Every structure is written in C-alpha cells, then in structure tokens.
C-alpha atoms as a PDB file:
ATOM      1  CA  MET A   1      33.356   7.982 -53.328  1.00  0.00           C
ATOM      2  CA  LYS A   2      32.806   6.922 -56.897  1.00  0.00           C
ATOM      3  CA  ILE A   3      30.434   6.654 -59.833  1.00  0.00           C
ATOM      4  CA  MET A   4      28.908   3.168 -59.790  1.00  0.00           C
ATOM      5  CA  SER A   5      26.869   3.721 -62.947  1.00  0.00           C
ATOM      6  CA  LEU A   6      26.772   6.493 -65.567  1.00  0.00           C
ATOM      7  CA  ASN A   7      23.266   6.838 -67.003  1.00  0.00           C
ATOM      8  CA  VAL A   8      21.983   8.889 -69.926  1.00  0.00           C
ATOM      9  CA  GLY A   9      18.866   9.166 -72.054  1.00  0.00           C
ATOM     10  CA  LEU A  10      17.143  11.483 -74.509  1.00  0.00           C
ATOM     11  CA  PRO A  11      13.564  12.715 -74.048  1.00  0.00           C
ATOM     12  CA  ARG A  12      10.812  10.450 -75.325  1.00  0.00           C
ATOM     13  CA  GLU A  13       7.068  10.755 -75.660  1.00  0.00           C
ATOM     14  CA  VAL A  14       4.951   8.438 -73.527  1.00  0.00           C
ATOM     15  CA  GLN A  15       1.250   8.085 -72.774  1.00  0.00           C
ATOM     16  CA  TRP A  16       0.142   8.894 -69.239  1.00  0.00           C
ATOM     17  CA  HIS A  17      -3.492   8.998 -68.175  1.00  0.00           C
ATOM     18  CA  GLY A  18      -4.538   9.339 -71.791  1.00  0.00           C
ATOM     19  CA  GLN A  19      -2.206  12.213 -72.608  1.00  0.00           C
ATOM     20  CA  ALA A  20       1.091  12.397 -74.474  1.00  0.00           C
ATOM     21  CA  VAL A  21       3.929  13.538 -72.196  1.00  0.00           C
ATOM     22  CA  THR A  22       7.520  14.188 -73.183  1.00  0.00           C
ATOM     23  CA  THR A  23      10.014  13.176 -70.507  1.00  0.00           C
ATOM     24  CA  GLY A  24      13.727  12.658 -70.114  1.00  0.00           C
ATOM     25  CA  ILE A  25      13.447  10.580 -66.938  1.00  0.00           C
ATOM     26  CA  PHE A  26      14.244   7.302 -68.685  1.00  0.00           C
ATOM     27  CA  LYS A  27      18.018   6.768 -68.283  1.00  0.00           C
ATOM     28  CA  SER A  28      20.125   3.733 -69.154  1.00  0.00           C
ATOM     29  CA  PRO A  29      23.642   2.795 -68.006  1.00  0.00           C
ATOM     30  CA  THR A  30      26.480   3.305 -70.454  1.00  0.00           C
ATOM     31  CA  ALA A  31      29.978   1.835 -70.358  1.00  0.00           C
ATOM     32  CA  VAL A  32      31.586   4.530 -72.505  1.00  0.00           C
ATOM     33  CA  ARG A  33      33.324   7.689 -71.342  1.00  0.00           C
ATOM     34  CA  ILE A  34      31.086  10.728 -71.875  1.00  0.00           C
ATOM     35  CA  ARG A  35      31.719  14.456 -71.988  1.00  0.00           C
ATOM     36  CA  LEU A  36      30.331  16.300 -68.978  1.00  0.00           C
ATOM     37  CA  ARG A  37      29.272  19.778 -70.078  1.00  0.00           C
ATOM     38  CA  LYS A  38      27.951  22.875 -68.341  1.00  0.00           C
ATOM     39  CA  PHE A  39      24.293  22.013 -68.866  1.00  0.00           C
ATOM     40  CA  ASN A  40      24.254  18.221 -69.214  1.00  0.00           C
ATOM     41  CA  LEU A  41      26.081  15.125 -70.405  1.00  0.00           C
ATOM     42  CA  ASP A  42      26.556  14.253 -74.052  1.00  0.00           C
ATOM     43  CA  GLY A  43      23.749  11.876 -75.003  1.00  0.00           C
ATOM     44  CA  ASP A  44      21.481  13.160 -72.262  1.00  0.00           C
ATOM     45  CA  ARG A  45      18.801  15.853 -72.268  1.00  0.00           C
ATOM     46  CA  GLN A  46      16.036  17.188 -70.069  1.00  0.00           C
ATOM     47  CA  ALA A  47      12.542  17.528 -71.560  1.00  0.00           C
ATOM     48  CA  ASP A  48      11.132  20.489 -69.585  1.00  0.00           C
ATOM     49  CA  LEU A  49      13.824  23.076 -68.910  1.00  0.00           C
ATOM     50  CA  THR A  50      11.488  25.156 -66.764  1.00  0.00           C
ATOM     51  CA  VAL A  51      11.816  22.607 -63.946  1.00  0.00           C
ATOM     52  CA  HIS A  52      14.739  20.371 -64.971  1.00  0.00           C
ATOM     53  CA  GLY A  53      18.245  20.994 -66.182  1.00  0.00           C
ATOM     54  CA  GLY A  54      19.951  24.358 -66.412  1.00  0.00           C
ATOM     55  CA  GLU A  55      23.216  25.415 -64.876  1.00  0.00           C
ATOM     56  CA  HIS A  56      22.256  24.500 -61.303  1.00  0.00           C
ATOM     57  CA  LYS A  57      20.764  21.120 -62.211  1.00  0.00           C
ATOM     58  CA  ALA A  58      23.135  19.872 -64.897  1.00  0.00           C
ATOM     59  CA  VAL A  59      23.726  16.453 -63.323  1.00  0.00           C
ATOM     60  CA  TYR A  60      21.503  14.418 -61.027  1.00  0.00           C
ATOM     61  CA  CYS A  61      23.152  12.047 -58.526  1.00  0.00           C
ATOM     62  CA  TYR A  62      21.443   9.238 -56.639  1.00  0.00           C
ATOM     63  CA  PRO A  63      23.129   7.079 -53.988  1.00  0.00           C
ATOM     64  CA  ILE A  64      23.435   3.379 -54.765  1.00  0.00           C
ATOM     65  CA  GLU A  65      22.872   2.762 -51.056  1.00  0.00           C
ATOM     66  CA  HIS A  66      19.166   3.629 -51.506  1.00  0.00           C
ATOM     67  CA  TYR A  67      18.509   0.877 -54.014  1.00  0.00           C
ATOM     68  CA  GLY A  68      18.276  -1.718 -51.233  1.00  0.00           C
ATOM     69  CA  TYR A  69      15.553   0.317 -49.533  1.00  0.00           C
ATOM     70  CA  TRP A  70      13.525   0.589 -52.723  1.00  0.00           C
ATOM     71  CA  LYS A  71      13.865  -3.101 -53.542  1.00  0.00           C
ATOM     72  CA  LYS A  72      12.162  -3.821 -50.212  1.00  0.00           C
ATOM     73  CA  LYS A  73       9.636  -1.010 -50.648  1.00  0.00           C
ATOM     74  CA  LEU A  74       8.786  -2.023 -54.225  1.00  0.00           C
ATOM     75  CA  PRO A  75       9.052  -5.841 -54.207  1.00  0.00           C
ATOM     76  CA  GLY A  76       9.116  -7.576 -57.541  1.00  0.00           C
ATOM     77  CA  ARG A  77       9.975  -4.436 -59.475  1.00  0.00           C
ATOM     78  CA  ASP A  78      13.035  -4.331 -61.706  1.00  0.00           C
ATOM     79  CA  LEU A  79      15.328  -1.505 -60.564  1.00  0.00           C
ATOM     80  CA  PRO A  80      18.262  -1.081 -62.951  1.00  0.00           C
ATOM     81  CA  PHE A  81      20.676   1.759 -62.310  1.00  0.00           C
ATOM     82  CA  GLY A  82      19.194   4.977 -63.616  1.00  0.00           C
ATOM     83  CA  ALA A  83      15.714   3.908 -62.492  1.00  0.00           C
ATOM     84  CA  PHE A  84      15.212   7.155 -60.573  1.00  0.00           C
ATOM     85  CA  GLY A  85      16.319   9.307 -63.490  1.00  0.00           C
ATOM     86  CA  GLU A  86      19.799   9.821 -62.141  1.00  0.00           C
ATOM     87  CA  ASN A  87      22.818  10.513 -64.310  1.00  0.00           C
ATOM     88  CA  LEU A  88      25.277   9.302 -61.689  1.00  0.00           C
ATOM     89  CA  THR A  89      24.541   6.383 -59.406  1.00  0.00           C
ATOM     90  CA  THR A  90      27.038   7.194 -56.663  1.00  0.00           C
ATOM     91  CA  GLU A  91      28.673   5.371 -53.772  1.00  0.00           C
ATOM     92  CA  GLY A  92      29.544   7.015 -50.466  1.00  0.00           C
ATOM     93  CA  MET A  93      27.567  10.224 -51.006  1.00  0.00           C
ATOM     94  CA  LEU A  94      24.500  10.160 -48.765  1.00  0.00           C
ATOM     95  CA  GLU A  95      22.292  13.204 -48.275  1.00  0.00           C
ATOM     96  CA  GLU A  96      23.395  13.554 -44.638  1.00  0.00           C
ATOM     97  CA  ASN A  97      27.097  13.909 -45.460  1.00  0.00           C
ATOM     98  CA  ILE A  98      26.951  15.875 -48.707  1.00  0.00           C
ATOM     99  CA  HIS A  99      26.661  19.631 -48.263  1.00  0.00           C
ATOM    100  CA  VAL A 100      25.566  22.430 -50.552  1.00  0.00           C
ATOM    101  CA  GLY A 101      28.710  24.020 -51.948  1.00  0.00           C
ATOM    102  CA  ASP A 102      30.856  20.868 -51.718  1.00  0.00           C
ATOM    103  CA  ARG A 103      33.215  20.641 -54.697  1.00  0.00           C
ATOM    104  CA  PHE A 104      34.542  17.476 -56.310  1.00  0.00           C
ATOM    105  CA  THR A 105      36.689  16.484 -59.250  1.00  0.00           C
ATOM    106  CA  ILE A 106      35.888  13.534 -61.526  1.00  0.00           C
ATOM    107  CA  ASN A 107      38.645  12.639 -63.972  1.00  0.00           C
ATOM    108  CA  GLY A 108      39.589  16.296 -64.423  1.00  0.00           C
ATOM    109  CA  ALA A 109      36.035  17.650 -64.520  1.00  0.00           C
ATOM    110  CA  GLU A 110      34.916  19.702 -61.527  1.00  0.00           C
ATOM    111  CA  VAL A 111      31.422  19.868 -60.044  1.00  0.00           C
ATOM    112  CA  VAL A 112      29.691  21.569 -57.126  1.00  0.00           C
ATOM    113  CA  VAL A 113      26.659  20.432 -55.112  1.00  0.00           C
ATOM    114  CA  THR A 114      23.718  22.800 -55.569  1.00  0.00           C
ATOM    115  CA  GLN A 115      20.425  21.423 -54.193  1.00  0.00           C
ATOM    116  CA  PRO A 116      18.291  18.356 -53.455  1.00  0.00           C
ATOM    117  CA  ARG A 117      16.113  16.743 -56.108  1.00  0.00           C
ATOM    118  CA  LEU A 118      12.405  17.472 -55.709  1.00  0.00           C
ATOM    119  CA  PRO A 119      10.425  14.853 -57.637  1.00  0.00           C
ATOM    120  CA  CYS A 120       7.731  15.789 -60.144  1.00  0.00           C
ATOM    121  CA  PHE A 121       4.904  13.725 -61.635  1.00  0.00           C
ATOM    122  CA  LYS A 122       7.256  12.237 -64.213  1.00  0.00           C
ATOM    123  CA  LEU A 123       8.738  10.011 -61.532  1.00  0.00           C
ATOM    124  CA  GLY A 124       5.250   8.555 -61.302  1.00  0.00           C
ATOM    125  CA  ILE A 125       5.328   7.979 -65.048  1.00  0.00           C
ATOM    126  CA  ARG A 126       8.639   6.136 -64.753  1.00  0.00           C
ATOM    127  CA  PHE A 127       7.168   3.798 -62.118  1.00  0.00           C
ATOM    128  CA  GLN A 128       3.622   3.783 -63.512  1.00  0.00           C
ATOM    129  CA  ALA A 129       2.344   4.812 -60.089  1.00  0.00           C
ATOM    130  CA  ASP A 130       0.766   8.130 -59.098  1.00  0.00           C
ATOM    131  CA  ASP A 131       1.819   7.693 -55.473  1.00  0.00           C
ATOM    132  CA  MET A 132       5.519   7.270 -56.269  1.00  0.00           C
ATOM    133  CA  VAL A 133       6.257  10.988 -55.920  1.00  0.00           C
ATOM    134  CA  LYS A 134       4.765  11.007 -52.424  1.00  0.00           C
ATOM    135  CA  LYS A 135       6.668   7.844 -51.457  1.00  0.00           C
ATOM    136  CA  PHE A 136       9.918   9.224 -52.823  1.00  0.00           C
ATOM    137  CA  LEU A 137       9.676  12.525 -50.975  1.00  0.00           C
ATOM    138  CA  ALA A 138       8.557  10.850 -47.742  1.00  0.00           C
ATOM    139  CA  SER A 139      11.568   8.523 -47.860  1.00  0.00           C
ATOM    140  CA  ARG A 140      13.947  11.529 -47.777  1.00  0.00           C
ATOM    141  CA  ARG A 141      16.104   9.465 -50.154  1.00  0.00           C
ATOM    142  CA  ILE A 142      16.035  12.116 -52.851  1.00  0.00           C
ATOM    143  CA  GLY A 143      19.590  12.538 -54.168  1.00  0.00           C
ATOM    144  CA  PHE A 144      21.070  15.850 -55.270  1.00  0.00           C
ATOM    145  CA  TYR A 145      22.092  17.998 -58.212  1.00  0.00           C
ATOM    146  CA  LEU A 146      25.485  19.191 -59.390  1.00  0.00           C
ATOM    147  CA  ALA A 147      26.575  22.208 -61.379  1.00  0.00           C
ATOM    148  CA  VAL A 148      29.578  21.774 -63.683  1.00  0.00           C
ATOM    149  CA  THR A 149      32.364  24.255 -63.006  1.00  0.00           C
ATOM    150  CA  ARG A 150      34.908  22.585 -65.294  1.00  0.00           C
ATOM    151  CA  GLU A 151      33.975  20.334 -68.188  1.00  0.00           C
ATOM    152  CA  GLY A 152      35.615  16.957 -68.734  1.00  0.00           C
ATOM    153  CA  GLU A 153      35.012  13.332 -69.623  1.00  0.00           C
ATOM    154  CA  ILE A 154      33.674  10.888 -67.051  1.00  0.00           C
ATOM    155  CA  ALA A 155      32.770   7.205 -66.913  1.00  0.00           C
ATOM    156  CA  ALA A 156      31.423   4.555 -64.576  1.00  0.00           C
ATOM    157  CA  PHE A 157      33.779   3.675 -61.707  1.00  0.00           C
ATOM    158  CA  ASP A 158      35.595   7.021 -61.839  1.00  0.00           C
ATOM    159  CA  GLU A 159      36.569   8.244 -58.375  1.00  0.00           C
ATOM    160  CA  ILE A 160      34.769  11.335 -57.057  1.00  0.00           C
ATOM    161  CA  ILE A 161      37.470  13.274 -55.235  1.00  0.00           C
ATOM    162  CA  PRO A 162      36.696  16.064 -52.731  1.00  0.00           C
ATOM    163  CA  VAL A 163      38.190  19.484 -53.415  1.00  0.00           C
ATOM    164  CA  THR A 164      36.304  21.632 -50.899  1.00  0.00           C
ATOM    165  CA  ARG A 165      33.943  20.341 -48.213  1.00  0.00           C
ATOM    166  CA  HIS A 166      31.480  22.422 -46.168  1.00  0.00           C
ATOM    167  CA  ALA A 167      31.241  20.088 -43.203  1.00  0.00           C
ATOM    168  CA  GLY A 168      29.645  22.792 -41.034  1.00  0.00           C
ATOM    169  CA  GLY A 169      27.286  23.897 -43.766  1.00  0.00           C
ATOM    170  CA  VAL A 170      23.822  22.878 -44.901  1.00  0.00           C
ATOM    171  CA  SER A 171      23.587  19.233 -45.906  1.00  0.00           C
ATOM    172  CA  ILE A 172      21.275  18.031 -48.650  1.00  0.00           C
ATOM    173  CA  ALA A 173      19.176  16.356 -45.939  1.00  0.00           C
ATOM    174  CA  ASP A 174      18.940  19.666 -44.032  1.00  0.00           C
ATOM    175  CA  PHE A 175      18.082  21.568 -47.218  1.00  0.00           C
ATOM    176  CA  LEU A 176      15.167  19.207 -47.834  1.00  0.00           C
ATOM    177  CA  ARG A 177      14.051  19.506 -44.209  1.00  0.00           C
ATOM    178  CA  LEU A 178      14.065  23.311 -44.522  1.00  0.00           C
ATOM    179  CA  PHE A 179      11.919  23.025 -47.621  1.00  0.00           C
ATOM    180  CA  LEU A 180       9.410  20.672 -45.986  1.00  0.00           C
ATOM    181  CA  THR A 181       9.168  22.211 -42.518  1.00  0.00           C
ATOM    182  CA  LYS A 182       6.063  24.244 -41.727  1.00  0.00           C
ATOM    183  CA  GLN A 183       7.638  26.500 -39.137  1.00  0.00           C
ATOM    184  CA  PHE A 184      11.188  27.834 -39.015  1.00  0.00           C
ATOM    185  CA  THR A 185      13.280  28.063 -35.863  1.00  0.00           C
ATOM    186  CA  LYS A 186      16.080  30.568 -35.321  1.00  0.00           C
ATOM    187  CA  ALA A 187      18.535  27.776 -36.113  1.00  0.00           C
ATOM    188  CA  ASP A 188      16.714  27.215 -39.401  1.00  0.00           C
ATOM    189  CA  ALA A 189      17.018  30.910 -40.201  1.00  0.00           C
ATOM    190  CA  ALA A 190      20.750  30.759 -39.519  1.00  0.00           C
ATOM    191  CA  ALA A 191      21.077  27.785 -41.877  1.00  0.00           C
ATOM    192  CA  ILE A 192      19.151  29.619 -44.585  1.00  0.00           C
ATOM    193  CA  HIS A 193      21.469  32.590 -44.240  1.00  0.00           C
ATOM    194  CA  GLN A 194      24.361  30.229 -44.936  1.00  0.00           C
ATOM    195  CA  LEU A 195      22.661  29.292 -48.207  1.00  0.00           C
ATOM    196  CA  TYR A 196      22.461  32.962 -49.172  1.00  0.00           C
ATOM    197  CA  GLU A 197      26.244  33.147 -49.125  1.00  0.00           C
ATOM    198  CA  LEU A 198      26.772  30.292 -51.584  1.00  0.00           C
ATOM    199  CA  PRO A 199      26.996  31.071 -55.304  1.00  0.00           C
ATOM    200  CA  SER A 200      26.073  27.447 -56.014  1.00  0.00           C
ATOM    201  CA  VAL A 201      22.556  28.117 -54.676  1.00  0.00           C
ATOM    202  CA  SER A 202      20.263  29.514 -57.369  1.00  0.00           C
ATOM    203  CA  ASP A 203      18.597  32.902 -57.016  1.00  0.00           C
ATOM    204  CA  ASP A 204      15.214  31.166 -57.195  1.00  0.00           C
ATOM    205  CA  TRP A 205      15.954  29.181 -54.043  1.00  0.00           C
ATOM    206  CA  LYS A 206      17.298  32.264 -52.259  1.00  0.00           C
ATOM    207  CA  SER A 207      14.134  34.192 -53.122  1.00  0.00           C
ATOM    208  CA  TYR A 208      11.966  31.285 -51.992  1.00  0.00           C
ATOM    209  CA  PHE A 209      13.581  31.068 -48.568  1.00  0.00           C
ATOM    210  CA  ARG A 210      13.745  34.859 -48.189  1.00  0.00           C
ATOM    211  CA  ASP A 211      10.020  35.128 -48.777  1.00  0.00           C
ATOM    212  CA  ARG A 212       9.282  32.337 -46.322  1.00  0.00           C
ATOM    213  CA  LEU A 213      11.407  33.939 -43.623  1.00  0.00           C
ATOM    214  CA  GLN A 214       9.692  37.272 -44.142  1.00  0.00           C
ATOM    215  CA  ASN A 215       6.262  35.650 -43.970  1.00  0.00           C
ATOM    216  CA  ALA A 216       7.315  33.918 -40.760  1.00  0.00           C
ATOM    217  CA  GLY A 217       8.362  37.255 -39.298  1.00  0.00           C
ATOM    218  CA  ILE A 218      11.908  36.065 -38.703  1.00  0.00           C
ATOM    219  CA  GLY A 219      13.489  38.445 -41.188  1.00  0.00           C
ATOM    220  CA  SER A 220      15.281  37.905 -44.463  1.00  0.00           C
END
C-alpha cells in the first residue's frame, strides 16, 4: 500500500448555476513533502467545516484503482490525480479490504480509518455535472476518510504501513451499505454495534445509526 499522489488545494470561489460557491474540492498533485496535521495537510483547507474536515475527516483517500472505471464511465474527460477531491490517491486500499478503525503509519505519521466519503453537490461542481453525485454514490467507489493520531510529514510514493487491522470489523464498503440500506437485518445491527465500540467513529454517526435502529424496532 502506498500514496500514488499527494494532492492539496485551498478553497476558491466558483460560479455554479448563477451563484457564487466557495469550495475546496479542487486539488492538485504536489511533489514536495507536506506536514500532515490533526485537521488537514499544510497547503490544504476545507471550505465548509460543517460537512467537511474536522478531526474525523482530516484526510480524504481515493483508490487509484477506480480511475480506470471513471475513464470508461466519463470518456474524453481529463482525470488528473486529485480529480475527486482526494488528498491521497492510494494504491492497494479498496473499500472492501479497508476497515473502520484500521491504523497505518506513513513516514512516522499515524492515521486511523474513520468513515466513507459521502459526496455533496460540490462534486458536481468539480465535474460540471449535476448527476455526478448520483453516479459517484451508485458506483460504490467512494473512498474513505482518515483521522490523524500522530502528525508527521508525508509525500507521494510513501509506503502506507499497517499497524492495526480490523479484518473482522466493518469495512468501508459495509459502512456505506449500512448507510444506504432501507431495512436492517440482525446482522446489520451487530455490525452497527461494532461501530459503537470504535473511538474512530464520530458521535454523529453513532447517533445516526442508533436512531435508525430504534426506529426499526431492533434496539440501540
């Protein structure tokens, strides 16, 4: 596992459907080594901290393996690394084999997997297409967020080394499925209870799933 591209960008104002919108989704690859901090990378910021950024969403990772899919899905479109707003374009870290709570080191920094990325309308701005959010979510190729548990400097082509893996836990793919499913099974409830035990899962997500379980009559 490694970083194939390190991408950063500061918020900018763009026009979308006749309105000015400030967004940090535009990221560009950098060849320099950058400080990874608790809430973001040096040279990178999120525009709307109510839905982006924060301790549990400090770094967004997107698998390089998905770029081939999108090049077929979006023919003729230029797709440089960082096109999906990711900070780290990764290799060997697909949603099916990365689990919430997995810990990794990157050149001395330490990170933990927290949750999948749920796209907002600003992905549509990046691709100049209102239906891009729907396509992205339907593809299940959504990537994931990291929290930073130890700061350090990272760069493209750094190895991402496992420290703790939760192979029997909830994968990013399963987390997304739990979010999208209309009706929970008992197995789903058991998976959600695993999420409750992980400090890397935000209280907002725990409250969300607790409410849904209660509404389903399965219990919290």
